[in-house]
Amino acid sequence: MLPSPTGLCQTSSHAWSLVWAPASPKPGANGALSQFEATKGVLEQVRPFYKKANIPMVSDKRACHKMVDLVNANSKLRKISQAKRSSETTAKQLEKMQT
């Protein structure tokens, strides 16, 4: 066995390596996109249509934050069970979101 520069052992037929990566609390560290990164992608897909129609756009940061807020609000509403969707409380939540 020969010592490698990384301190791991290598044999002539097999090379073994260990990867020590600290667990990252940052979203998207495991390969998945964070919500903000995903909205940036959506914004890049929408931008050509807005430019073609000469529609002014808000800043990227503001647009992305607004989309994240809308997705979060939508997921909150989707968590409400179908049996409770016609209750007064749910109606108030819907009314609150629409204003």
PDB file of N, CA and C in Angstrom:
ATOM      1  N   MET A   1       0.834  -1.180   0.000  1.00  0.00           N
ATOM      2  CA  MET A   1       0.000   0.000   0.000  1.00  0.00           C
ATOM      3  C   MET A   1       0.877   1.241   0.000  1.00  0.00           C
ATOM      4  N   LEU A   2       0.447   2.199  -0.769  1.00  0.00           N
ATOM      5  CA  LEU A   2       1.199   3.443  -0.868  1.00  0.00           C
ATOM      6  C   LEU A   2       0.419   4.562  -0.198  1.00  0.00           C
ATOM      7  N   PRO A   3       1.064   5.406   0.562  1.00  0.00           N
ATOM      8  CA  PRO A   3       0.340   6.533   1.144  1.00  0.00           C
ATOM      9  C   PRO A   3       0.033   7.568   0.065  1.00  0.00           C
ATOM     10  N   SER A   4      -1.166   8.101   0.142  1.00  0.00           N
ATOM     11  CA  SER A   4      -1.548   9.120  -0.833  1.00  0.00           C
ATOM     12  C   SER A   4      -1.377  10.503  -0.222  1.00  0.00           C
ATOM     13  N   PRO A   5      -1.373  11.541  -1.050  1.00  0.00           N
ATOM     14  CA  PRO A   5      -1.227  12.894  -0.512  1.00  0.00           C
ATOM     15  C   PRO A   5      -2.365  13.288   0.425  1.00  0.00           C
ATOM     16  N   THR A   6      -3.525  12.648   0.282  1.00  0.00           N
ATOM     17  CA  THR A   6      -4.649  12.992   1.151  1.00  0.00           C
ATOM     18  C   THR A   6      -4.639  12.194   2.439  1.00  0.00           C
ATOM     19  N   GLY A   7      -3.697  11.259   2.572  1.00  0.00           N
ATOM     20  CA  GLY A   7      -3.608  10.480   3.793  1.00  0.00           C
ATOM     21  C   GLY A   7      -4.417   9.203   3.746  1.00  0.00           C
ATOM     22  N   LEU A   8      -5.022   8.897   2.612  1.00  0.00           N
ATOM     23  CA  LEU A   8      -5.815   7.690   2.488  1.00  0.00           C
ATOM     24  C   LEU A   8      -4.964   6.606   1.847  1.00  0.00           C
ATOM     25  N   CYS A   9      -5.257   5.363   2.113  1.00  0.00           N
ATOM     26  CA  CYS A   9      -4.475   4.249   1.588  1.00  0.00           C
ATOM     27  C   CYS A   9      -4.971   3.889   0.202  1.00  0.00           C
ATOM     28  N   GLN A  10      -4.051   3.571  -0.668  1.00  0.00           N
ATOM     29  CA  GLN A  10      -4.387   3.095  -1.998  1.00  0.00           C
ATOM     30  C   GLN A  10      -3.644   1.799  -2.237  1.00  0.00           C
ATOM     31  N   THR A  11      -4.324   0.842  -2.815  1.00  0.00           N
ATOM     32  CA  THR A  11      -3.666  -0.396  -3.200  1.00  0.00           C
ATOM     33  C   THR A  11      -3.531  -0.397  -4.705  1.00  0.00           C
ATOM     34  N   SER A  12      -2.809  -1.335  -5.212  1.00  0.00           N
ATOM     35  CA  SER A  12      -2.603  -1.384  -6.652  1.00  0.00           C
ATOM     36  C   SER A  12      -3.902  -1.698  -7.400  1.00  0.00           C
ATOM     37  N   SER A  13      -4.817  -2.443  -6.795  1.00  0.00           N
ATOM     38  CA  SER A  13      -6.038  -2.813  -7.483  1.00  0.00           C
ATOM     39  C   SER A  13      -7.245  -1.954  -7.091  1.00  0.00           C
ATOM     40  N   HIS A  14      -7.209  -1.355  -5.930  1.00  0.00           N
ATOM     41  CA  HIS A  14      -8.354  -0.567  -5.462  1.00  0.00           C
ATOM     42  C   HIS A  14      -7.885   0.772  -4.911  1.00  0.00           C
ATOM     43  N   ALA A  15      -8.671   1.772  -5.179  1.00  0.00           N
ATOM     44  CA  ALA A  15      -8.395   3.080  -4.585  1.00  0.00           C
ATOM     45  C   ALA A  15      -9.591   3.439  -3.713  1.00  0.00           C
ATOM     46  N   TRP A  16      -9.358   3.639  -2.460  1.00  0.00           N
ATOM     47  CA  TRP A  16     -10.422   3.975  -1.517  1.00  0.00           C
ATOM     48  C   TRP A  16     -10.305   5.438  -1.164  1.00  0.00           C
ATOM     49  N   SER A  17     -11.427   6.104  -1.144  1.00  0.00           N
ATOM     50  CA  SER A  17     -11.389   7.506  -0.744  1.00  0.00           C
ATOM     51  C   SER A  17     -12.603   7.798   0.125  1.00  0.00           C
ATOM     52  N   LEU A  18     -12.412   8.663   1.039  1.00  0.00           N
ATOM     53  CA  LEU A  18     -13.484   9.094   1.924  1.00  0.00           C
ATOM     54  C   LEU A  18     -13.683  10.584   1.721  1.00  0.00           C
ATOM     55  N   VAL A  19     -14.922  10.988   1.677  1.00  0.00           N
ATOM     56  CA  VAL A  19     -15.226  12.404   1.530  1.00  0.00           C
ATOM     57  C   VAL A  19     -15.875  12.856   2.823  1.00  0.00           C
ATOM     58  N   TRP A  20     -15.251  13.784   3.469  1.00  0.00           N
ATOM     59  CA  TRP A  20     -15.789  14.341   4.706  1.00  0.00           C
ATOM     60  C   TRP A  20     -16.309  15.725   4.409  1.00  0.00           C
ATOM     61  N   ALA A  21     -17.603  15.837   4.294  1.00  0.00           N
ATOM     62  CA  ALA A  21     -18.217  17.133   4.029  1.00  0.00           C
ATOM     63  C   ALA A  21     -19.129  17.475   5.198  1.00  0.00           C
ATOM     64  N   PRO A  22     -18.988  18.652   5.742  1.00  0.00           N
ATOM     65  CA  PRO A  22     -19.877  19.031   6.842  1.00  0.00           C
ATOM     66  C   PRO A  22     -21.311  19.193   6.339  1.00  0.00           C
ATOM     67  N   ALA A  23     -22.247  18.850   7.172  1.00  0.00           N
ATOM     68  CA  ALA A  23     -23.653  19.030   6.819  1.00  0.00           C
ATOM     69  C   ALA A  23     -23.942  20.515   6.727  1.00  0.00           C
ATOM     70  N   SER A  24     -24.452  20.929   5.602  1.00  0.00           N
ATOM     71  CA  SER A  24     -24.690  22.349   5.381  1.00  0.00           C
ATOM     72  C   SER A  24     -26.160  22.680   5.603  1.00  0.00           C
ATOM     73  N   PRO A  25     -26.457  23.648   6.450  1.00  0.00           N
ATOM     74  CA  PRO A  25     -27.852  24.024   6.672  1.00  0.00           C
ATOM     75  C   PRO A  25     -28.401  24.870   5.525  1.00  0.00           C
ATOM     76  N   LYS A  26     -27.549  25.237   4.583  1.00  0.00           N
ATOM     77  CA  LYS A  26     -27.934  26.107   3.483  1.00  0.00           C
ATOM     78  C   LYS A  26     -28.832  25.348   2.504  1.00  0.00           C
ATOM     79  N   PRO A  27     -29.988  25.927   2.113  1.00  0.00           N
ATOM     80  CA  PRO A  27     -30.844  25.235   1.163  1.00  0.00           C
ATOM     81  C   PRO A  27     -30.133  25.090  -0.173  1.00  0.00           C
ATOM     82  N   GLY A  28     -30.353  23.984  -0.812  1.00  0.00           N
ATOM     83  CA  GLY A  28     -29.749  23.741  -2.103  1.00  0.00           C
ATOM     84  C   GLY A  28     -28.379  23.104  -2.021  1.00  0.00           C
ATOM     85  N   ALA A  29     -27.885  22.853  -0.815  1.00  0.00           N
ATOM     86  CA  ALA A  29     -26.557  22.277  -0.661  1.00  0.00           C
ATOM     87  C   ALA A  29     -26.522  20.818  -1.088  1.00  0.00           C
ATOM     88  N   ASN A  30     -27.645  20.147  -1.046  1.00  0.00           N
ATOM     89  CA  ASN A  30     -27.687  18.732  -1.418  1.00  0.00           C
ATOM     90  C   ASN A  30     -28.096  18.535  -2.870  1.00  0.00           C
ATOM     91  N   GLY A  31     -28.043  19.561  -3.671  1.00  0.00           N
ATOM     92  CA  GLY A  31     -28.382  19.446  -5.082  1.00  0.00           C
ATOM     93  C   GLY A  31     -29.751  20.003  -5.425  1.00  0.00           C
ATOM     94  N   ALA A  32     -30.629  20.145  -4.468  1.00  0.00           N
ATOM     95  CA  ALA A  32     -31.949  20.700  -4.721  1.00  0.00           C
ATOM     96  C   ALA A  32     -31.868  22.221  -4.731  1.00  0.00           C
ATOM     97  N   LEU A  33     -32.716  22.837  -5.514  1.00  0.00           N
ATOM     98  CA  LEU A  33     -32.745  24.292  -5.586  1.00  0.00           C
ATOM     99  C   LEU A  33     -33.507  24.864  -4.398  1.00  0.00           C
ATOM    100  N   SER A  34     -33.044  25.999  -3.914  1.00  0.00           N
ATOM    101  CA  SER A  34     -33.816  26.693  -2.890  1.00  0.00           C
ATOM    102  C   SER A  34     -35.008  27.358  -3.586  1.00  0.00           C
ATOM    103  N   GLN A  35     -35.965  27.820  -2.808  1.00  0.00           N
ATOM    104  CA  GLN A  35     -37.128  28.474  -3.404  1.00  0.00           C
ATOM    105  C   GLN A  35     -36.707  29.702  -4.195  1.00  0.00           C
ATOM    106  N   PHE A  36     -35.762  30.450  -3.659  1.00  0.00           N
ATOM    107  CA  PHE A  36     -35.324  31.673  -4.327  1.00  0.00           C
ATOM    108  C   PHE A  36     -34.645  31.346  -5.655  1.00  0.00           C
ATOM    109  N   GLU A  37     -33.813  30.303  -5.680  1.00  0.00           N
ATOM    110  CA  GLU A  37     -33.144  29.913  -6.918  1.00  0.00           C
ATOM    111  C   GLU A  37     -34.144  29.408  -7.947  1.00  0.00           C
ATOM    112  N   ALA A  38     -35.164  28.685  -7.493  1.00  0.00           N
ATOM    113  CA  ALA A  38     -36.192  28.179  -8.396  1.00  0.00           C
ATOM    114  C   ALA A  38     -36.984  29.332  -9.010  1.00  0.00           C
ATOM    115  N   THR A  39     -37.291  30.345  -8.208  1.00  0.00           N
ATOM    116  CA  THR A  39     -38.035  31.483  -8.745  1.00  0.00           C
ATOM    117  C   THR A  39     -37.181  32.286  -9.718  1.00  0.00           C
ATOM    118  N   LYS A  40     -35.867  32.303  -9.506  1.00  0.00           N
ATOM    119  CA  LYS A  40     -34.983  32.959 -10.480  1.00  0.00           C
ATOM    120  C   LYS A  40     -35.096  32.276 -11.833  1.00  0.00           C
ATOM    121  N   GLY A  41     -35.172  30.941 -11.823  1.00  0.00           N
ATOM    122  CA  GLY A  41     -35.330  30.191 -13.063  1.00  0.00           C
ATOM    123  C   GLY A  41     -36.644  30.509 -13.751  1.00  0.00           C
ATOM    124  N   VAL A  42     -37.711  30.594 -12.977  1.00  0.00           N
ATOM    125  CA  VAL A  42     -39.022  30.942 -13.531  1.00  0.00           C
ATOM    126  C   VAL A  42     -38.979  32.346 -14.106  1.00  0.00           C
ATOM    127  N   LEU A  43     -38.343  33.251 -13.402  1.00  0.00           N
ATOM    128  CA  LEU A  43     -38.239  34.637 -13.850  1.00  0.00           C
ATOM    129  C   LEU A  43     -37.484  34.726 -15.178  1.00  0.00           C
ATOM    130  N   GLU A  44     -36.435  33.926 -15.321  1.00  0.00           N
ATOM    131  CA  GLU A  44     -35.672  33.918 -16.574  1.00  0.00           C
ATOM    132  C   GLU A  44     -36.518  33.380 -17.728  1.00  0.00           C
ATOM    133  N   GLN A  45     -37.451  32.472 -17.447  1.00  0.00           N
ATOM    134  CA  GLN A  45     -38.323  31.949 -18.490  1.00  0.00           C
ATOM    135  C   GLN A  45     -39.403  32.956 -18.872  1.00  0.00           C
ATOM    136  N   VAL A  46     -39.829  33.784 -17.934  1.00  0.00           N
ATOM    137  CA  VAL A  46     -40.900  34.745 -18.175  1.00  0.00           C
ATOM    138  C   VAL A  46     -40.363  36.037 -18.813  1.00  0.00           C
ATOM    139  N   ARG A  47     -39.130  36.371 -18.515  1.00  0.00           N
ATOM    140  CA  ARG A  47     -38.544  37.641 -18.952  1.00  0.00           C
ATOM    141  C   ARG A  47     -38.670  37.894 -20.460  1.00  0.00           C
ATOM    142  N   PRO A  48     -38.414  36.928 -21.341  1.00  0.00           N
ATOM    143  CA  PRO A  48     -38.532  37.219 -22.777  1.00  0.00           C
ATOM    144  C   PRO A  48     -39.934  37.664 -23.196  1.00  0.00           C
ATOM    145  N   PHE A  49     -40.959  37.095 -22.578  1.00  0.00           N
ATOM    146  CA  PHE A  49     -42.320  37.480 -22.925  1.00  0.00           C
ATOM    147  C   PHE A  49     -42.616  38.910 -22.481  1.00  0.00           C
ATOM    148  N   TYR A  50     -42.124  39.283 -21.299  1.00  0.00           N
ATOM    149  CA  TYR A  50     -42.322  40.638 -20.815  1.00  0.00           C
ATOM    150  C   TYR A  50     -41.576  41.636 -21.695  1.00  0.00           C
ATOM    151  N   LYS A  51     -40.360  41.289 -22.111  1.00  0.00           N
ATOM    152  CA  LYS A  51     -39.581  42.189 -22.972  1.00  0.00           C
ATOM    153  C   LYS A  51     -40.248  42.355 -24.324  1.00  0.00           C
ATOM    154  N   LYS A  52     -40.755  41.251 -24.869  1.00  0.00           N
ATOM    155  CA  LYS A  52     -41.398  41.303 -26.185  1.00  0.00           C
ATOM    156  C   LYS A  52     -42.638  42.194 -26.153  1.00  0.00           C
ATOM    157  N   ALA A  53     -43.353  42.175 -25.033  1.00  0.00           N
ATOM    158  CA  ALA A  53     -44.575  42.969 -24.894  1.00  0.00           C
ATOM    159  C   ALA A  53     -44.302  44.352 -24.314  1.00  0.00           C
ATOM    160  N   ASN A  54     -43.031  44.678 -24.077  1.00  0.00           N
ATOM    161  CA  ASN A  54     -42.639  45.967 -23.476  1.00  0.00           C
ATOM    162  C   ASN A  54     -43.338  46.224 -22.148  1.00  0.00           C
ATOM    163  N   ILE A  55     -43.436  45.195 -21.333  1.00  0.00           N
ATOM    164  CA  ILE A  55     -44.022  45.323 -19.999  1.00  0.00           C
ATOM    165  C   ILE A  55     -42.872  45.569 -19.031  1.00  0.00           C
ATOM    166  N   PRO A  56     -42.928  46.661 -18.278  1.00  0.00           N
ATOM    167  CA  PRO A  56     -41.843  46.917 -17.320  1.00  0.00           C
ATOM    168  C   PRO A  56     -41.856  45.885 -16.199  1.00  0.00           C
ATOM    169  N   MET A  57     -40.664  45.539 -15.738  1.00  0.00           N
ATOM    170  CA  MET A  57     -40.537  44.540 -14.673  1.00  0.00           C
ATOM    171  C   MET A  57     -39.949  45.175 -13.434  1.00  0.00           C
ATOM    172  N   VAL A  58     -40.342  44.647 -12.289  1.00  0.00           N
ATOM    173  CA  VAL A  58     -39.736  45.072 -11.025  1.00  0.00           C
ATOM    174  C   VAL A  58     -38.367  44.394 -10.936  1.00  0.00           C
ATOM    175  N   SER A  59     -37.617  44.728  -9.919  1.00  0.00           N
ATOM    176  CA  SER A  59     -36.285  44.137  -9.765  1.00  0.00           C
ATOM    177  C   SER A  59     -36.395  42.623  -9.577  1.00  0.00           C
ATOM    178  N   ASP A  60     -35.341  41.926  -9.932  1.00  0.00           N
ATOM    179  CA  ASP A  60     -35.337  40.470  -9.811  1.00  0.00           C
ATOM    180  C   ASP A  60     -35.565  40.035  -8.369  1.00  0.00           C
ATOM    181  N   LYS A  61     -34.903  40.718  -7.448  1.00  0.00           N
ATOM    182  CA  LYS A  61     -35.008  40.349  -6.034  1.00  0.00           C
ATOM    183  C   LYS A  61     -36.445  40.475  -5.544  1.00  0.00           C
ATOM    184  N   ARG A  62     -37.092  41.579  -5.900  1.00  0.00           N
ATOM    185  CA  ARG A  62     -38.470  41.803  -5.463  1.00  0.00           C
ATOM    186  C   ARG A  62     -39.414  40.779  -6.099  1.00  0.00           C
ATOM    187  N   ALA A  63     -39.221  40.511  -7.380  1.00  0.00           N
ATOM    188  CA  ALA A  63     -40.082  39.547  -8.068  1.00  0.00           C
ATOM    189  C   ALA A  63     -39.923  38.154  -7.468  1.00  0.00           C
ATOM    190  N   CYS A  64     -38.681  37.767  -7.171  1.00  0.00           N
ATOM    191  CA  CYS A  64     -38.438  36.445  -6.594  1.00  0.00           C
ATOM    192  C   CYS A  64     -39.053  36.323  -5.205  1.00  0.00           C
ATOM    193  N   HIS A  65     -38.908  37.365  -4.391  1.00  0.00           N
ATOM    194  CA  HIS A  65     -39.501  37.329  -3.049  1.00  0.00           C
ATOM    195  C   HIS A  65     -41.024  37.252  -3.130  1.00  0.00           C
ATOM    196  N   LYS A  66     -41.610  37.970  -4.073  1.00  0.00           N
ATOM    197  CA  LYS A  66     -43.068  37.950  -4.225  1.00  0.00           C
ATOM    198  C   LYS A  66     -43.542  36.550  -4.646  1.00  0.00           C
ATOM    199  N   MET A  67     -42.806  35.914  -5.563  1.00  0.00           N
ATOM    200  CA  MET A  67     -43.179  34.554  -5.992  1.00  0.00           C
ATOM    201  C   MET A  67     -43.043  33.556  -4.845  1.00  0.00           C
ATOM    202  N   VAL A  68     -41.997  33.686  -4.046  1.00  0.00           N
ATOM    203  CA  VAL A  68     -41.818  32.795  -2.896  1.00  0.00           C
ATOM    204  C   VAL A  68     -42.980  32.978  -1.923  1.00  0.00           C
ATOM    205  N   ASP A  69     -43.382  34.228  -1.678  1.00  0.00           N
ATOM    206  CA  ASP A  69     -44.512  34.492  -0.789  1.00  0.00           C
ATOM    207  C   ASP A  69     -45.798  33.857  -1.321  1.00  0.00           C
ATOM    208  N   LEU A  70     -46.017  33.963  -2.634  1.00  0.00           N
ATOM    209  CA  LEU A  70     -47.218  33.371  -3.233  1.00  0.00           C
ATOM    210  C   LEU A  70     -47.214  31.845  -3.124  1.00  0.00           C
ATOM    211  N   VAL A  71     -46.067  31.236  -3.345  1.00  0.00           N
ATOM    212  CA  VAL A  71     -45.965  29.772  -3.233  1.00  0.00           C
ATOM    213  C   VAL A  71     -46.214  29.332  -1.795  1.00  0.00           C
ATOM    214  N   ASN A  72     -45.659  30.067  -0.834  1.00  0.00           N
ATOM    215  CA  ASN A  72     -45.874  29.730   0.581  1.00  0.00           C
ATOM    216  C   ASN A  72     -47.338  29.868   0.966  1.00  0.00           C
ATOM    217  N   ALA A  73     -47.992  30.932   0.490  1.00  0.00           N
ATOM    218  CA  ALA A  73     -49.415  31.126   0.790  1.00  0.00           C
ATOM    219  C   ALA A  73     -50.244  30.010   0.160  1.00  0.00           C
ATOM    220  N   ASN A  74     -49.897  29.626  -1.057  1.00  0.00           N
ATOM    221  CA  ASN A  74     -50.617  28.553  -1.733  1.00  0.00           C
ATOM    222  C   ASN A  74     -50.458  27.239  -0.986  1.00  0.00           C
ATOM    223  N   SER A  75     -49.253  26.953  -0.527  1.00  0.00           N
ATOM    224  CA  SER A  75     -49.051  25.692   0.191  1.00  0.00           C
ATOM    225  C   SER A  75     -49.808  25.676   1.512  1.00  0.00           C
ATOM    226  N   LYS A  76     -49.943  26.847   2.141  1.00  0.00           N
ATOM    227  CA  LYS A  76     -50.742  26.939   3.372  1.00  0.00           C
ATOM    228  C   LYS A  76     -52.193  26.568   3.091  1.00  0.00           C
ATOM    229  N   LEU A  77     -52.725  27.101   1.990  1.00  0.00           N
ATOM    230  CA  LEU A  77     -54.117  26.821   1.650  1.00  0.00           C
ATOM    231  C   LEU A  77     -54.313  25.365   1.244  1.00  0.00           C
ATOM    232  N   ARG A  78     -53.343  24.791   0.584  1.00  0.00           N
ATOM    233  CA  ARG A  78     -53.469  23.399   0.145  1.00  0.00           C
ATOM    234  C   ARG A  78     -53.439  22.437   1.322  1.00  0.00           C
ATOM    235  N   LYS A  79     -52.885  22.864   2.456  1.00  0.00           N
ATOM    236  CA  LYS A  79     -52.836  22.008   3.639  1.00  0.00           C
ATOM    237  C   LYS A  79     -54.203  21.869   4.310  1.00  0.00           C
ATOM    238  N   ILE A  80     -55.130  22.745   3.992  1.00  0.00           N
ATOM    239  CA  ILE A  80     -56.465  22.686   4.590  1.00  0.00           C
ATOM    240  C   ILE A  80     -57.196  21.482   4.007  1.00  0.00           C
ATOM    241  N   SER A  81     -57.712  20.630   4.875  1.00  0.00           N
ATOM    242  CA  SER A  81     -58.415  19.434   4.401  1.00  0.00           C
ATOM    243  C   SER A  81     -59.698  19.823   3.677  1.00  0.00           C
ATOM    244  N   GLN A  82     -60.148  18.967   2.781  1.00  0.00           N
ATOM    245  CA  GLN A  82     -61.332  19.273   1.981  1.00  0.00           C
ATOM    246  C   GLN A  82     -62.584  19.429   2.830  1.00  0.00           C
ATOM    247  N   ALA A  83     -62.637  18.730   3.949  1.00  0.00           N
ATOM    248  CA  ALA A  83     -63.811  18.809   4.813  1.00  0.00           C
ATOM    249  C   ALA A  83     -63.934  20.190   5.461  1.00  0.00           C
ATOM    250  N   LYS A  84     -62.811  20.861   5.659  1.00  0.00           N
ATOM    251  CA  LYS A  84     -62.827  22.151   6.353  1.00  0.00           C
ATOM    252  C   LYS A  84     -62.797  23.342   5.404  1.00  0.00           C
ATOM    253  N   ARG A  85     -62.763  23.118   4.104  1.00  0.00           N
ATOM    254  CA  ARG A  85     -62.602  24.216   3.156  1.00  0.00           C
ATOM    255  C   ARG A  85     -63.803  25.147   3.081  1.00  0.00           C
ATOM    256  N   SER A  86     -64.944  24.705   3.528  1.00  0.00           N
ATOM    257  CA  SER A  86     -66.130  25.564   3.468  1.00  0.00           C
ATOM    258  C   SER A  86     -66.437  26.220   4.812  1.00  0.00           C
ATOM    259  N   SER A  87     -65.561  26.069   5.786  1.00  0.00           N
ATOM    260  CA  SER A  87     -65.814  26.666   7.101  1.00  0.00           C
ATOM    261  C   SER A  87     -65.573  28.167   7.071  1.00  0.00           C
ATOM    262  N   GLU A  88     -66.051  28.857   8.098  1.00  0.00           N
ATOM    263  CA  GLU A  88     -65.901  30.311   8.188  1.00  0.00           C
ATOM    264  C   GLU A  88     -64.437  30.717   8.296  1.00  0.00           C
ATOM    265  N   THR A  89     -63.673  29.965   9.058  1.00  0.00           N
ATOM    266  CA  THR A  89     -62.258  30.285   9.243  1.00  0.00           C
ATOM    267  C   THR A  89     -61.512  30.221   7.917  1.00  0.00           C
ATOM    268  N   THR A  90     -61.791  29.199   7.145  1.00  0.00           N
ATOM    269  CA  THR A  90     -61.144  29.056   5.841  1.00  0.00           C
ATOM    270  C   THR A  90     -61.566  30.177   4.908  1.00  0.00           C
ATOM    271  N   ALA A  91     -62.844  30.539   4.957  1.00  0.00           N
ATOM    272  CA  ALA A  91     -63.321  31.643   4.123  1.00  0.00           C
ATOM    273  C   ALA A  91     -62.607  32.945   4.486  1.00  0.00           C
ATOM    274  N   LYS A  92     -62.351  33.143   5.769  1.00  0.00           N
ATOM    275  CA  LYS A  92     -61.619  34.335   6.200  1.00  0.00           C
ATOM    276  C   LYS A  92     -60.177  34.317   5.704  1.00  0.00           C
ATOM    277  N   GLN A  93     -59.556  33.131   5.733  1.00  0.00           N
ATOM    278  CA  GLN A  93     -58.179  33.007   5.233  1.00  0.00           C
ATOM    279  C   GLN A  93     -58.113  33.340   3.751  1.00  0.00           C
ATOM    280  N   LEU A  94     -59.069  32.822   2.999  1.00  0.00           N
ATOM    281  CA  LEU A  94     -59.116  33.118   1.557  1.00  0.00           C
ATOM    282  C   LEU A  94     -59.324  34.601   1.300  1.00  0.00           C
ATOM    283  N   GLU A  95     -60.231  35.181   2.052  1.00  0.00           N
ATOM    284  CA  GLU A  95     -60.507  36.614   1.914  1.00  0.00           C
ATOM    285  C   GLU A  95     -59.269  37.447   2.239  1.00  0.00           C
ATOM    286  N   LYS A  96     -58.560  37.043   3.273  1.00  0.00           N
ATOM    287  CA  LYS A  96     -57.360  37.741   3.703  1.00  0.00           C
ATOM    288  C   LYS A  96     -56.281  37.673   2.625  1.00  0.00           C
ATOM    289  N   MET A  97     -56.166  36.518   1.968  1.00  0.00           N
ATOM    290  CA  MET A  97     -55.159  36.357   0.903  1.00  0.00           C
ATOM    291  C   MET A  97     -55.487  37.179  -0.322  1.00  0.00           C
ATOM    292  N   GLN A  98     -56.754  37.329  -0.629  1.00  0.00           N
ATOM    293  CA  GLN A  98     -57.152  38.029  -1.851  1.00  0.00           C
ATOM    294  C   GLN A  98     -57.013  39.540  -1.718  1.00  0.00           C
ATOM    295  N   THR A  99     -56.922  40.043  -0.514  1.00  0.00           N
ATOM    296  CA  THR A  99     -56.781  41.500  -0.350  1.00  0.00           C
ATOM    297  C   THR A  99     -55.348  41.913  -0.224  1.00  0.00           C
TER     298      THR A  99
END
